[in-house]
Every structure is written in C-alpha cells, then in structure tokens.
C-alpha cells in the first residue's frame, strides 16, 4: 500500500527539495502498519483490530502523494504522464509478479469452484477494481475470506482509484488564486466523506468499507498535514515527542480494542488516522528515533509493500492446503 507511495526520492526528484526529503520515520510508520495487518491475519490473540494498518497506509499515501503533487505543481514540473509513470514503475512489477505466482499456486491447490472465483478476483485485481468485486461477494470478516487469496488487493484498488482522481483535483485547487482554497476544500471534502461513511455504516457496512468515497477522509487527513506543518510548527523535541506519543496511543488503542464488531471505518477510523497524522506531523523526535527510526522498523518499512503483497496469499493458500488452525510454530514460520 503505498506502502505504496515513494519510499525514497525517485531518481528524477531532487533530494535537495525539502518538500520531498526522505522521512525515515514514515518508513517506521509503514512497519507498524504492515506488522499490525500481518499479525491480525495470522490470528494473534489480543490484536483483533490489526486491520487498522490499512488505514495507516491510506493516511501515509494521502500525505506523500499530495506532498509530491503540490511540490511539482509549484515548481512547474508536474505532468500527469510523469506522475502515472512513477506510480506504475513503483507498484506494478511487484504487484504483477505476486498475481502471477499466486495464480500458479492457486491452480495447484484450490478446488475447481474456488479456482473459478479466484479467476474472477484475478481479473478484477488486474484492472484495480477488486474492492468492488469483493464488495459484491461478501464481508471482509466472514469465513469465506479464508478462501480468497487476493482479498487483500481491495485496498490497493482503492489506492489506485485515489491516484486516478487526486492529481486532477489538486491541479484545479492549486490553480485557484486563494492559497487557502486547497486546504479548505480538502477539509470540507474529508468531513463530508466522514459523515457519509458514518451514515452509510448503518445502511450497508460493506459498502462503507470497500468503496473509495468512504475512505476519502483518510487520504484527506494525510494531505491536510502538509498545510498543518506550515501553519502549526512543532519547534522543539518535547512538543514533537508529545505529538508522537499521542499518535502511538491512538493507534494502539484501536489495534487492541477494535474487533470485527466495531463499526468501521466511520468515526472509529479517526483513532488510527489521527494517530498517524500526529506522528507524521511530529516528524523526527526522541520518541520517533526509538520507535520508528530504529534499523528494524526502517528495514520493515522499506519492504512493507512486498510484505503486504505476499503475506495474505501465503496465509490463505497454506491454510487451504493444511485445513487446520495454525499452530504457534506455523504462525512464526509464515
């Protein structure tokens, strides 16, 4: 998942451009996100809310993608062709390889019925609409999810749909005369998305979970951090560390207390999303250096996209083949 935005400045990006400087603490955030998802999918006791890792990724993507677009527009370097080329170069090689290998393994392991459904999921994943495909089938938390090796691609499809719409909107907003136009519109759009999501949860929770409009506020929160950084600067380590601690507490609360019965996303998604935004805004601090900028966190953050891609097919296909609950040894081995 961008886990899925650019990990480091691309070769055609100036490393001297502060708006695109490498942020090691964001890789640490990616590490937290992918670890929560992985441990949740492995059924680690006490981590029933680990699915919030996806929401952390969405906020990170909203921040980094918007930061890159804003920087390129203001420097006169933005082009849609360049933007989408960089997205494709970043995402598609590992994605297509994962789909190919999962298809090969599925052909050997799945029954004919499940293989047919896998073929439909594969086709929808290739065209980045798997979120709509899985929405049409069933819920994210039901038993049948363990027969869907590509279920996790729903979030990647949401991100790709975000990439299709966001650059054009940012070009329009930043073309307006008022400097406040972009943050005000993004704030209003995010609030509208949040209210719509909360309303729709009571009508069709699956729609609120899978459809992009109900996730816009998560990307939007990440984007708004860009303007928060300029208008509300944390000037000392104490304030940055306090912001980071609060962010970690919000994420931890959601991961440990949420479960399949928690109405989500909606208002409850603000816990991990605001927590992530606070950690991004905090930037480098003593807390960040300990929790997010250690070597293990940065390493895991750098490979988080690949980990996200391969973890679920391995879990599903191994579980399908073994047909028993995972032992502790199997969990560790996976």
C-alpha atoms as a PDB file:
ATOM      1  CA  UNK A   1       0.000   0.000   0.000  1.00  0.00           C
ATOM      2  CA  UNK A   2       1.874   2.924  -0.623  1.00  0.00           C
ATOM      3  CA  UNK A   3       3.170   1.346   1.500  1.00  0.00           C
ATOM      4  CA  UNK A   4       2.881   2.331  -1.724  1.00  0.00           C
ATOM      5  CA  UNK A   5       3.940   5.814  -2.067  1.00  0.00           C
ATOM      6  CA  UNK A   6       7.520   6.508  -2.969  1.00  0.00           C
ATOM      7  CA  UNK A   7       9.845   5.046  -0.375  1.00  0.00           C
ATOM      8  CA  UNK A   8      12.738   7.325  -1.280  1.00  0.00           C
ATOM      9  CA  UNK A   9      13.114  10.217  -3.695  1.00  0.00           C
ATOM     10  CA  UNK A  10      12.937   8.882  -7.236  1.00  0.00           C
ATOM     11  CA  UNK A  11      15.945   9.392  -9.495  1.00  0.00           C
ATOM     12  CA  UNK A  12      14.234  12.308 -11.241  1.00  0.00           C
ATOM     13  CA  UNK A  13      13.450  14.076  -7.974  1.00  0.00           C
ATOM     14  CA  UNK A  14      15.906  16.469  -6.378  1.00  0.00           C
ATOM     15  CA  UNK A  15      16.996  15.262  -2.965  1.00  0.00           C
ATOM     16  CA  UNK A  16      17.678  18.869  -2.126  1.00  0.00           C
ATOM     17  CA  UNK A  17      13.978  19.641  -2.450  1.00  0.00           C
ATOM     18  CA  UNK A  18      12.871  19.749   1.159  1.00  0.00           C
ATOM     19  CA  UNK A  19       9.286  19.048   0.228  1.00  0.00           C
ATOM     20  CA  UNK A  20      10.431  15.625  -0.985  1.00  0.00           C
ATOM     21  CA  UNK A  21      13.085  14.833   1.586  1.00  0.00           C
ATOM     22  CA  UNK A  22      13.297  11.287   2.803  1.00  0.00           C
ATOM     23  CA  UNK A  23      11.374  10.743   6.045  1.00  0.00           C
ATOM     24  CA  UNK A  24      12.715   7.617   7.818  1.00  0.00           C
ATOM     25  CA  UNK A  25      10.005   7.890  10.480  1.00  0.00           C
ATOM     26  CA  UNK A  26       7.394   7.310   7.776  1.00  0.00           C
ATOM     27  CA  UNK A  27       9.054   4.025   6.936  1.00  0.00           C
ATOM     28  CA  UNK A  28       8.732   3.256  10.652  1.00  0.00           C
ATOM     29  CA  UNK A  29       5.021   4.001  10.390  1.00  0.00           C
ATOM     30  CA  UNK A  30       4.792   1.631   7.447  1.00  0.00           C
ATOM     31  CA  UNK A  31       6.451  -1.016   9.585  1.00  0.00           C
ATOM     32  CA  UNK A  32       3.779  -0.579  12.262  1.00  0.00           C
ATOM     33  CA  UNK A  33       1.021  -0.734   9.652  1.00  0.00           C
ATOM     34  CA  UNK A  34       2.185  -3.890   7.901  1.00  0.00           C
ATOM     35  CA  UNK A  35       3.022  -5.612  11.216  1.00  0.00           C
ATOM     36  CA  UNK A  36      -0.494  -4.965  12.515  1.00  0.00           C
ATOM     37  CA  UNK A  37      -2.020  -6.356   9.330  1.00  0.00           C
ATOM     38  CA  UNK A  38       0.228  -9.413   9.254  1.00  0.00           C
ATOM     39  CA  UNK A  39      -0.320 -10.322  12.916  1.00  0.00           C
ATOM     40  CA  UNK A  40      -4.062  -9.710  12.607  1.00  0.00           C
ATOM     41  CA  UNK A  41      -4.293 -12.035   9.610  1.00  0.00           C
ATOM     42  CA  UNK A  42      -2.318 -14.686  11.469  1.00  0.00           C
ATOM     43  CA  UNK A  43      -4.869 -14.511  14.283  1.00  0.00           C
ATOM     44  CA  UNK A  44      -2.600 -13.201  17.026  1.00  0.00           C
ATOM     45  CA  UNK A  45      -4.686 -13.078  20.237  1.00  0.00           C
ATOM     46  CA  UNK A  46      -5.417  -9.590  21.512  1.00  0.00           C
ATOM     47  CA  UNK A  47      -4.888  -7.897  18.152  1.00  0.00           C
ATOM     48  CA  UNK A  48      -8.366  -8.124  16.667  1.00  0.00           C
ATOM     49  CA  UNK A  49      -8.102  -4.510  15.496  1.00  0.00           C
ATOM     50  CA  UNK A  50      -4.947  -5.044  13.484  1.00  0.00           C
ATOM     51  CA  UNK A  51      -6.858  -4.345  10.283  1.00  0.00           C
ATOM     52  CA  UNK A  52      -6.384  -0.629  11.024  1.00  0.00           C
ATOM     53  CA  UNK A  53      -2.952  -0.986   9.427  1.00  0.00           C
ATOM     54  CA  UNK A  54      -4.659  -0.376   6.094  1.00  0.00           C
ATOM     55  CA  UNK A  55      -5.948   2.969   7.354  1.00  0.00           C
ATOM     56  CA  UNK A  56      -2.448   3.947   8.444  1.00  0.00           C
ATOM     57  CA  UNK A  57      -1.283   3.253   4.908  1.00  0.00           C
ATOM     58  CA  UNK A  58      -4.085   5.383   3.458  1.00  0.00           C
ATOM     59  CA  UNK A  59      -3.109   8.382   5.582  1.00  0.00           C
ATOM     60  CA  UNK A  60       0.558   7.968   4.635  1.00  0.00           C
ATOM     61  CA  UNK A  61      -0.376   7.815   0.956  1.00  0.00           C
ATOM     62  CA  UNK A  62      -2.572  10.891   1.250  1.00  0.00           C
ATOM     63  CA  UNK A  63       0.340  12.803   2.756  1.00  0.00           C
ATOM     64  CA  UNK A  64       3.141  11.671   0.447  1.00  0.00           C
ATOM     65  CA  UNK A  65       1.229  11.725  -2.817  1.00  0.00           C
ATOM     66  CA  UNK A  66      -0.229  15.171  -2.108  1.00  0.00           C
ATOM     67  CA  UNK A  67       3.165  16.477  -0.996  1.00  0.00           C
ATOM     68  CA  UNK A  68       4.731  15.284  -4.249  1.00  0.00           C
ATOM     69  CA  UNK A  69       1.950  16.744  -6.413  1.00  0.00           C
ATOM     70  CA  UNK A  70       1.981  20.104  -4.610  1.00  0.00           C
ATOM     71  CA  UNK A  71       5.753  20.352  -4.886  1.00  0.00           C
ATOM     72  CA  UNK A  72       5.764  19.548  -8.606  1.00  0.00           C
ATOM     73  CA  UNK A  73       2.926  21.945  -9.383  1.00  0.00           C
ATOM     74  CA  UNK A  74       4.554  24.815  -7.516  1.00  0.00           C
ATOM     75  CA  UNK A  75       7.898  24.203  -9.204  1.00  0.00           C
ATOM     76  CA  UNK A  76       6.280  23.919 -12.633  1.00  0.00           C
ATOM     77  CA  UNK A  77       7.385  20.297 -13.080  1.00  0.00           C
ATOM     78  CA  UNK A  78       4.096  18.470 -12.697  1.00  0.00           C
ATOM     79  CA  UNK A  79       2.740  16.373 -15.535  1.00  0.00           C
ATOM     80  CA  UNK A  80       0.134  13.634 -15.436  1.00  0.00           C
ATOM     81  CA  UNK A  81       2.288  11.431 -17.639  1.00  0.00           C
ATOM     82  CA  UNK A  82       5.229  11.682 -15.257  1.00  0.00           C
ATOM     83  CA  UNK A  83       3.038  11.113 -12.224  1.00  0.00           C
ATOM     84  CA  UNK A  84       1.431   7.944 -13.548  1.00  0.00           C
ATOM     85  CA  UNK A  85       4.695   6.631 -14.951  1.00  0.00           C
ATOM     86  CA  UNK A  86       6.266   6.863 -11.490  1.00  0.00           C
ATOM     87  CA  UNK A  87       3.239   5.151  -9.921  1.00  0.00           C
ATOM     88  CA  UNK A  88       3.371   2.315 -12.440  1.00  0.00           C
ATOM     89  CA  UNK A  89       7.131   1.900 -12.066  1.00  0.00           C
ATOM     90  CA  UNK A  90       6.789   1.802  -8.301  1.00  0.00           C
ATOM     91  CA  UNK A  91       3.802  -0.506  -7.978  1.00  0.00           C
ATOM     92  CA  UNK A  92       3.243  -2.738 -10.977  1.00  0.00           C
ATOM     93  CA  UNK A  93       6.347  -5.015 -11.144  1.00  0.00           C
ATOM     94  CA  UNK A  94       5.902  -6.475  -7.652  1.00  0.00           C
ATOM     95  CA  UNK A  95       2.109  -6.459  -7.994  1.00  0.00           C
ATOM     96  CA  UNK A  96       2.042  -8.335 -11.293  1.00  0.00           C
ATOM     97  CA  UNK A  97       4.630 -10.825 -10.041  1.00  0.00           C
ATOM     98  CA  UNK A  98       2.544 -11.532  -6.950  1.00  0.00           C
ATOM     99  CA  UNK A  99      -0.582 -12.068  -9.038  1.00  0.00           C
ATOM    100  CA  UNK A 100       1.291 -14.444 -11.368  1.00  0.00           C
ATOM    101  CA  UNK A 101       2.802 -16.530  -8.566  1.00  0.00           C
ATOM    102  CA  UNK A 102      -0.478 -16.618  -6.647  1.00  0.00           C
ATOM    103  CA  UNK A 103      -2.288 -17.780  -9.774  1.00  0.00           C
ATOM    104  CA  UNK A 104       0.216 -20.591 -10.277  1.00  0.00           C
ATOM    105  CA  UNK A 105      -0.038 -21.737  -6.656  1.00  0.00           C
ATOM    106  CA  UNK A 106      -3.837 -21.456  -6.680  1.00  0.00           C
ATOM    107  CA  UNK A 107      -4.073 -23.644  -9.770  1.00  0.00           C
ATOM    108  CA  UNK A 108      -2.309 -26.400  -7.833  1.00  0.00           C
ATOM    109  CA  UNK A 109      -4.098 -26.018  -4.504  1.00  0.00           C
ATOM    110  CA  UNK A 110      -7.636 -24.661  -4.909  1.00  0.00           C
ATOM    111  CA  UNK A 111     -10.704 -26.699  -5.816  1.00  0.00           C
ATOM    112  CA  UNK A 112     -12.369 -26.040  -9.151  1.00  0.00           C
ATOM    113  CA  UNK A 113     -15.100 -23.945  -7.502  1.00  0.00           C
ATOM    114  CA  UNK A 114     -12.670 -21.760  -5.589  1.00  0.00           C
ATOM    115  CA  UNK A 115     -10.334 -21.582  -8.577  1.00  0.00           C
ATOM    116  CA  UNK A 116     -13.157 -20.181 -10.704  1.00  0.00           C
ATOM    117  CA  UNK A 117     -13.816 -17.479  -8.110  1.00  0.00           C
ATOM    118  CA  UNK A 118     -10.095 -16.821  -7.929  1.00  0.00           C
ATOM    119  CA  UNK A 119     -10.071 -16.211 -11.689  1.00  0.00           C
ATOM    120  CA  UNK A 120     -12.750 -13.563 -11.278  1.00  0.00           C
ATOM    121  CA  UNK A 121     -10.806 -11.948  -8.443  1.00  0.00           C
ATOM    122  CA  UNK A 122      -7.620 -12.032 -10.525  1.00  0.00           C
ATOM    123  CA  UNK A 123      -9.307 -10.249 -13.406  1.00  0.00           C
ATOM    124  CA  UNK A 124     -10.724  -7.552 -11.134  1.00  0.00           C
ATOM    125  CA  UNK A 125      -7.323  -7.121  -9.476  1.00  0.00           C
ATOM    126  CA  UNK A 126      -5.631  -6.586 -12.833  1.00  0.00           C
ATOM    127  CA  UNK A 127      -7.977  -3.683 -13.530  1.00  0.00           C
ATOM    128  CA  UNK A 128      -7.746  -2.278  -9.983  1.00  0.00           C
ATOM    129  CA  UNK A 129     -11.420  -2.817  -9.152  1.00  0.00           C
ATOM    130  CA  UNK A 130     -11.098  -5.758  -6.767  1.00  0.00           C
ATOM    131  CA  UNK A 131     -12.590  -3.657  -3.966  1.00  0.00           C
ATOM    132  CA  UNK A 132     -15.840  -3.582  -5.937  1.00  0.00           C
ATOM    133  CA  UNK A 133     -15.599  -7.287  -6.737  1.00  0.00           C
ATOM    134  CA  UNK A 134     -15.153  -8.351  -3.116  1.00  0.00           C
ATOM    135  CA  UNK A 135     -17.817  -5.870  -2.024  1.00  0.00           C
ATOM    136  CA  UNK A 136     -20.244  -7.629  -4.361  1.00  0.00           C
ATOM    137  CA  UNK A 137     -19.418 -11.015  -2.848  1.00  0.00           C
ATOM    138  CA  UNK A 138     -19.443 -10.711   0.926  1.00  0.00           C
ATOM    139  CA  UNK A 139     -17.952  -9.126   4.012  1.00  0.00           C
ATOM    140  CA  UNK A 140     -14.302  -8.767   4.923  1.00  0.00           C
ATOM    141  CA  UNK A 141     -14.549 -10.693   8.186  1.00  0.00           C
ATOM    142  CA  UNK A 142     -16.646 -13.699   7.174  1.00  0.00           C
ATOM    143  CA  UNK A 143     -15.352 -17.277   6.987  1.00  0.00           C
ATOM    144  CA  UNK A 144     -15.245 -17.309   3.191  1.00  0.00           C
ATOM    145  CA  UNK A 145     -12.494 -14.681   3.257  1.00  0.00           C
ATOM    146  CA  UNK A 146     -10.076 -17.510   4.030  1.00  0.00           C
ATOM    147  CA  UNK A 147     -10.709 -18.919   0.561  1.00  0.00           C
ATOM    148  CA  UNK A 148      -9.777 -15.701  -1.251  1.00  0.00           C
ATOM    149  CA  UNK A 149      -6.016 -15.384  -1.863  1.00  0.00           C
ATOM    150  CA  UNK A 150      -6.412 -11.933  -3.424  1.00  0.00           C
ATOM    151  CA  UNK A 151      -8.802 -10.391  -0.914  1.00  0.00           C
ATOM    152  CA  UNK A 152      -6.106  -8.018   0.321  1.00  0.00           C
ATOM    153  CA  UNK A 153      -5.876  -6.358  -3.112  1.00  0.00           C
ATOM    154  CA  UNK A 154      -9.074  -4.443  -2.324  1.00  0.00           C
ATOM    155  CA  UNK A 155      -7.023  -1.776  -0.551  1.00  0.00           C
ATOM    156  CA  UNK A 156      -4.599  -1.498  -3.470  1.00  0.00           C
ATOM    157  CA  UNK A 157      -7.546  -0.942  -5.792  1.00  0.00           C
ATOM    158  CA  UNK A 158      -8.843   1.823  -3.522  1.00  0.00           C
ATOM    159  CA  UNK A 159      -5.424   3.478  -3.679  1.00  0.00           C
ATOM    160  CA  UNK A 160      -5.227   3.227  -7.461  1.00  0.00           C
ATOM    161  CA  UNK A 161      -8.652   4.832  -7.753  1.00  0.00           C
ATOM    162  CA  UNK A 162      -7.393   7.566  -5.431  1.00  0.00           C
ATOM    163  CA  UNK A 163      -4.396   8.096  -7.745  1.00  0.00           C
ATOM    164  CA  UNK A 164      -6.700   8.493 -10.729  1.00  0.00           C
ATOM    165  CA  UNK A 165      -8.786  11.261  -9.163  1.00  0.00           C
ATOM    166  CA  UNK A 166      -6.465  13.116  -6.786  1.00  0.00           C
ATOM    167  CA  UNK A 167      -3.907  14.719  -9.159  1.00  0.00           C
ATOM    168  CA  UNK A 168      -6.562  16.389 -11.301  1.00  0.00           C
ATOM    169  CA  UNK A 169      -8.336  17.755  -8.259  1.00  0.00           C
ATOM    170  CA  UNK A 170      -5.091  19.115  -6.821  1.00  0.00           C
ATOM    171  CA  UNK A 171      -4.228  20.818 -10.119  1.00  0.00           C
ATOM    172  CA  UNK A 172      -7.607  22.560 -10.063  1.00  0.00           C
ATOM    173  CA  UNK A 173      -7.387  23.592  -6.401  1.00  0.00           C
ATOM    174  CA  UNK A 174      -3.841  24.897  -6.597  1.00  0.00           C
ATOM    175  CA  UNK A 175      -4.749  26.816  -9.739  1.00  0.00           C
ATOM    176  CA  UNK A 176      -7.125  28.987  -7.721  1.00  0.00           C
ATOM    177  CA  UNK A 177      -5.915  32.362  -6.525  1.00  0.00           C
ATOM    178  CA  UNK A 178      -6.520  31.793  -2.835  1.00  0.00           C
ATOM    179  CA  UNK A 179      -3.826  29.841  -1.001  1.00  0.00           C
ATOM    180  CA  UNK A 180      -6.465  28.626   1.427  1.00  0.00           C
ATOM    181  CA  UNK A 181      -8.635  27.121  -1.293  1.00  0.00           C
ATOM    182  CA  UNK A 182      -6.880  23.757  -1.323  1.00  0.00           C
ATOM    183  CA  UNK A 183      -6.870  23.047   2.440  1.00  0.00           C
ATOM    184  CA  UNK A 184     -10.410  24.386   2.872  1.00  0.00           C
ATOM    185  CA  UNK A 185     -11.806  22.253   0.064  1.00  0.00           C
ATOM    186  CA  UNK A 186      -9.854  19.201   1.197  1.00  0.00           C
ATOM    187  CA  UNK A 187     -11.090  19.722   4.741  1.00  0.00           C
ATOM    188  CA  UNK A 188     -14.699  20.061   3.606  1.00  0.00           C
ATOM    189  CA  UNK A 189     -14.394  17.037   1.331  1.00  0.00           C
ATOM    190  CA  UNK A 190     -12.873  14.957   4.133  1.00  0.00           C
ATOM    191  CA  UNK A 191     -15.607  15.978   6.564  1.00  0.00           C
ATOM    192  CA  UNK A 192     -18.293  15.155   4.013  1.00  0.00           C
ATOM    193  CA  UNK A 193     -16.693  11.753   3.403  1.00  0.00           C
ATOM    194  CA  UNK A 194     -16.537  11.024   7.132  1.00  0.00           C
ATOM    195  CA  UNK A 195     -20.178  11.993   7.711  1.00  0.00           C
ATOM    196  CA  UNK A 196     -21.299   9.965   4.705  1.00  0.00           C
ATOM    197  CA  UNK A 197     -19.331   6.964   5.944  1.00  0.00           C
ATOM    198  CA  UNK A 198     -20.823   7.175   9.416  1.00  0.00           C
ATOM    199  CA  UNK A 199     -24.310   7.425   7.913  1.00  0.00           C
ATOM    200  CA  UNK A 200     -23.762   4.571   5.475  1.00  0.00           C
ATOM    201  CA  UNK A 201     -22.399   2.209   8.116  1.00  0.00           C
ATOM    202  CA  UNK A 202     -25.927   1.836   9.427  1.00  0.00           C
ATOM    203  CA  UNK A 203     -27.283   1.090   5.974  1.00  0.00           C
ATOM    204  CA  UNK A 204     -24.640  -1.046   4.287  1.00  0.00           C
ATOM    205  CA  UNK A 205     -21.428  -1.554   6.241  1.00  0.00           C
ATOM    206  CA  UNK A 206     -19.771  -3.481   3.404  1.00  0.00           C
ATOM    207  CA  UNK A 207     -20.211  -0.543   1.024  1.00  0.00           C
ATOM    208  CA  UNK A 208     -18.734   1.848   3.578  1.00  0.00           C
ATOM    209  CA  UNK A 209     -15.763  -0.477   3.994  1.00  0.00           C
ATOM    210  CA  UNK A 210     -14.855  -1.111   0.351  1.00  0.00           C
ATOM    211  CA  UNK A 211     -15.785   1.980  -1.655  1.00  0.00           C
ATOM    212  CA  UNK A 212     -13.357   4.844  -2.241  1.00  0.00           C
ATOM    213  CA  UNK A 213     -15.755   7.722  -1.356  1.00  0.00           C
ATOM    214  CA  UNK A 214     -15.955   6.376   2.186  1.00  0.00           C
ATOM    215  CA  UNK A 215     -12.165   6.343   2.510  1.00  0.00           C
ATOM    216  CA  UNK A 216     -11.511   9.811   1.109  1.00  0.00           C
ATOM    217  CA  UNK A 217     -11.355  11.353   4.583  1.00  0.00           C
ATOM    218  CA  UNK A 218      -8.402   9.080   5.427  1.00  0.00           C
ATOM    219  CA  UNK A 219      -6.386  10.226   2.424  1.00  0.00           C
ATOM    220  CA  UNK A 220      -7.586  13.758   3.097  1.00  0.00           C
ATOM    221  CA  UNK A 221      -6.299  13.760   6.669  1.00  0.00           C
ATOM    222  CA  UNK A 222      -2.872  12.827   5.399  1.00  0.00           C
ATOM    223  CA  UNK A 223      -2.999  15.563   2.781  1.00  0.00           C
ATOM    224  CA  UNK A 224      -4.031  18.213   5.322  1.00  0.00           C
ATOM    225  CA  UNK A 225      -0.890  17.533   7.360  1.00  0.00           C
ATOM    226  CA  UNK A 226       1.022  19.385   4.610  1.00  0.00           C
ATOM    227  CA  UNK A 227      -0.735  22.646   5.478  1.00  0.00           C
ATOM    228  CA  UNK A 228      -0.659  21.863   9.207  1.00  0.00           C
ATOM    229  CA  UNK A 229       3.132  21.629   9.011  1.00  0.00           C
ATOM    230  CA  UNK A 230       3.280  25.164   7.665  1.00  0.00           C
ATOM    231  CA  UNK A 231       0.745  26.771   9.975  1.00  0.00           C
ATOM    232  CA  UNK A 232       1.437  24.935  13.217  1.00  0.00           C
ATOM    233  CA  UNK A 233       5.120  24.144  13.546  1.00  0.00           C
ATOM    234  CA  UNK A 234       6.318  21.934  16.401  1.00  0.00           C
ATOM    235  CA  UNK A 235       9.536  23.745  17.253  1.00  0.00           C
ATOM    236  CA  UNK A 236      11.063  21.584  19.999  1.00  0.00           C
ATOM    237  CA  UNK A 237      11.605  17.940  20.810  1.00  0.00           C
ATOM    238  CA  UNK A 238       9.171  17.996  23.723  1.00  0.00           C
ATOM    239  CA  UNK A 239       6.212  19.065  21.579  1.00  0.00           C
ATOM    240  CA  UNK A 240       7.184  16.664  18.785  1.00  0.00           C
ATOM    241  CA  UNK A 241       7.582  13.773  21.221  1.00  0.00           C
ATOM    242  CA  UNK A 242       4.229  14.587  22.861  1.00  0.00           C
ATOM    243  CA  UNK A 243       2.551  14.560  19.448  1.00  0.00           C
ATOM    244  CA  UNK A 244       4.240  11.249  18.639  1.00  0.00           C
ATOM    245  CA  UNK A 245       3.225   9.630  21.933  1.00  0.00           C
ATOM    246  CA  UNK A 246      -0.386  10.704  21.475  1.00  0.00           C
ATOM    247  CA  UNK A 247      -0.338   9.322  17.939  1.00  0.00           C
ATOM    248  CA  UNK A 248       1.023   5.968  19.107  1.00  0.00           C
ATOM    249  CA  UNK A 249      -1.589   5.785  21.882  1.00  0.00           C
ATOM    250  CA  UNK A 250      -4.420   6.394  19.428  1.00  0.00           C
ATOM    251  CA  UNK A 251      -3.133   3.703  17.067  1.00  0.00           C
ATOM    252  CA  UNK A 252      -2.513   1.295  19.946  1.00  0.00           C
ATOM    253  CA  UNK A 253      -5.992   1.849  21.360  1.00  0.00           C
ATOM    254  CA  UNK A 254      -7.595   0.997  18.028  1.00  0.00           C
ATOM    255  CA  UNK A 255      -5.403  -2.049  17.389  1.00  0.00           C
ATOM    256  CA  UNK A 256      -6.021  -3.539  20.830  1.00  0.00           C
ATOM    257  CA  UNK A 257      -9.672  -2.655  21.423  1.00  0.00           C
ATOM    258  CA  UNK A 258     -11.306  -2.873  17.993  1.00  0.00           C
ATOM    259  CA  UNK A 259     -12.659  -6.129  16.571  1.00  0.00           C
ATOM    260  CA  UNK A 260     -14.936  -7.414  13.826  1.00  0.00           C
ATOM    261  CA  UNK A 261     -17.964  -5.990  15.635  1.00  0.00           C
ATOM    262  CA  UNK A 262     -16.585  -2.449  15.805  1.00  0.00           C
ATOM    263  CA  UNK A 263     -18.423  -0.127  13.380  1.00  0.00           C
ATOM    264  CA  UNK A 264     -15.741   0.731  10.854  1.00  0.00           C
ATOM    265  CA  UNK A 265     -14.464   2.870   9.183  1.00  0.00           C
ATOM    266  CA  UNK A 266     -16.526   5.977  10.155  1.00  0.00           C
ATOM    267  CA  UNK A 267     -15.786   7.842  13.375  1.00  0.00           C
ATOM    268  CA  UNK A 268     -13.798   4.938  14.779  1.00  0.00           C
ATOM    269  CA  UNK A 269     -11.296   5.229  11.922  1.00  0.00           C
ATOM    270  CA  UNK A 270     -10.275   8.601  13.330  1.00  0.00           C
ATOM    271  CA  UNK A 271      -8.283   6.845  16.048  1.00  0.00           C
ATOM    272  CA  UNK A 272      -5.666   5.297  13.723  1.00  0.00           C
ATOM    273  CA  UNK A 273      -5.946   8.078  11.134  1.00  0.00           C
ATOM    274  CA  UNK A 274      -5.463  10.970  13.542  1.00  0.00           C
ATOM    275  CA  UNK A 275      -2.759   8.969  15.282  1.00  0.00           C
ATOM    276  CA  UNK A 276      -0.910   8.549  12.002  1.00  0.00           C
ATOM    277  CA  UNK A 277      -1.358  12.217  11.109  1.00  0.00           C
ATOM    278  CA  UNK A 278       0.056  13.241  14.504  1.00  0.00           C
ATOM    279  CA  UNK A 279       3.093  11.012  14.024  1.00  0.00           C
ATOM    280  CA  UNK A 280       3.734  12.392  10.543  1.00  0.00           C
ATOM    281  CA  UNK A 281       3.366  15.943  11.803  1.00  0.00           C
ATOM    282  CA  UNK A 282       5.659  15.239  14.752  1.00  0.00           C
ATOM    283  CA  UNK A 283       8.486  14.265  12.420  1.00  0.00           C
ATOM    284  CA  UNK A 284      11.837  13.439  13.965  1.00  0.00           C
ATOM    285  CA  UNK A 285      11.850  13.332  17.770  1.00  0.00           C
ATOM    286  CA  UNK A 286      13.244  11.288  20.614  1.00  0.00           C
ATOM    287  CA  UNK A 287      10.160   9.086  20.560  1.00  0.00           C
ATOM    288  CA  UNK A 288      10.372   8.728  16.805  1.00  0.00           C
ATOM    289  CA  UNK A 289      14.029   7.722  16.934  1.00  0.00           C
ATOM    290  CA  UNK A 290      13.264   4.978  19.438  1.00  0.00           C
ATOM    291  CA  UNK A 291      10.051   3.571  17.949  1.00  0.00           C
ATOM    292  CA  UNK A 292      10.113   4.449  14.255  1.00  0.00           C
ATOM    293  CA  UNK A 293      13.689   5.151  13.222  1.00  0.00           C
ATOM    294  CA  UNK A 294      15.457   2.077  14.525  1.00  0.00           C
ATOM    295  CA  UNK A 295      17.046  -0.205  11.933  1.00  0.00           C
ATOM    296  CA  UNK A 296      14.428  -2.945  12.177  1.00  0.00           C
ATOM    297  CA  UNK A 297      11.496  -0.548  11.725  1.00  0.00           C
ATOM    298  CA  UNK A 298      13.094   1.199   8.749  1.00  0.00           C
ATOM    299  CA  UNK A 299      14.010  -2.121   7.117  1.00  0.00           C
ATOM    300  CA  UNK A 300      10.491  -3.481   7.532  1.00  0.00           C
ATOM    301  CA  UNK A 301       9.045  -0.203   6.306  1.00  0.00           C
ATOM    302  CA  UNK A 302      11.167  -0.335   3.159  1.00  0.00           C
ATOM    303  CA  UNK A 303       9.873  -3.806   2.286  1.00  0.00           C
ATOM    304  CA  UNK A 304       6.334  -3.245   3.587  1.00  0.00           C
ATOM    305  CA  UNK A 305       4.754  -3.140   0.132  1.00  0.00           C
ATOM    306  CA  UNK A 306       6.216  -6.526  -0.735  1.00  0.00           C
ATOM    307  CA  UNK A 307       5.290  -7.949   2.661  1.00  0.00           C
ATOM    308  CA  UNK A 308       1.729  -6.735   2.221  1.00  0.00           C
ATOM    309  CA  UNK A 309       1.507  -8.224  -1.264  1.00  0.00           C
ATOM    310  CA  UNK A 310       2.707 -11.725  -0.403  1.00  0.00           C
ATOM    311  CA  UNK A 311       1.556 -12.300   3.159  1.00  0.00           C
ATOM    312  CA  UNK A 312      -2.137 -12.934   2.521  1.00  0.00           C
ATOM    313  CA  UNK A 313      -1.784 -15.388  -0.406  1.00  0.00           C
ATOM    314  CA  UNK A 314       0.691 -17.388   1.686  1.00  0.00           C
ATOM    315  CA  UNK A 315      -1.656 -17.429   4.691  1.00  0.00           C
ATOM    316  CA  UNK A 316      -4.716 -18.366   2.640  1.00  0.00           C
ATOM    317  CA  UNK A 317      -3.111 -20.997   0.424  1.00  0.00           C
ATOM    318  CA  UNK A 318      -1.227 -22.645   3.281  1.00  0.00           C
ATOM    319  CA  UNK A 319      -4.365 -22.661   5.403  1.00  0.00           C
ATOM    320  CA  UNK A 320      -6.382 -24.073   2.493  1.00  0.00           C
ATOM    321  CA  UNK A 321      -3.853 -26.856   1.986  1.00  0.00           C
ATOM    322  CA  UNK A 322      -3.440 -27.654   5.690  1.00  0.00           C
ATOM    323  CA  UNK A 323      -7.124 -27.093   6.647  1.00  0.00           C
ATOM    324  CA  UNK A 324      -6.299 -26.760  10.348  1.00  0.00           C
ATOM    325  CA  UNK A 325      -5.818 -23.855  12.700  1.00  0.00           C
ATOM    326  CA  UNK A 326      -2.294 -22.513  12.654  1.00  0.00           C
ATOM    327  CA  UNK A 327      -0.016 -23.676  15.405  1.00  0.00           C
ATOM    328  CA  UNK A 328       2.313 -21.181  17.044  1.00  0.00           C
ATOM    329  CA  UNK A 329       5.212 -22.655  15.021  1.00  0.00           C
ATOM    330  CA  UNK A 330       3.256 -22.248  11.779  1.00  0.00           C
ATOM    331  CA  UNK A 331       2.392 -18.651  12.635  1.00  0.00           C
ATOM    332  CA  UNK A 332       6.049 -17.838  13.252  1.00  0.00           C
ATOM    333  CA  UNK A 333       7.141 -19.696  10.113  1.00  0.00           C
ATOM    334  CA  UNK A 334       4.662 -17.844   7.910  1.00  0.00           C
END
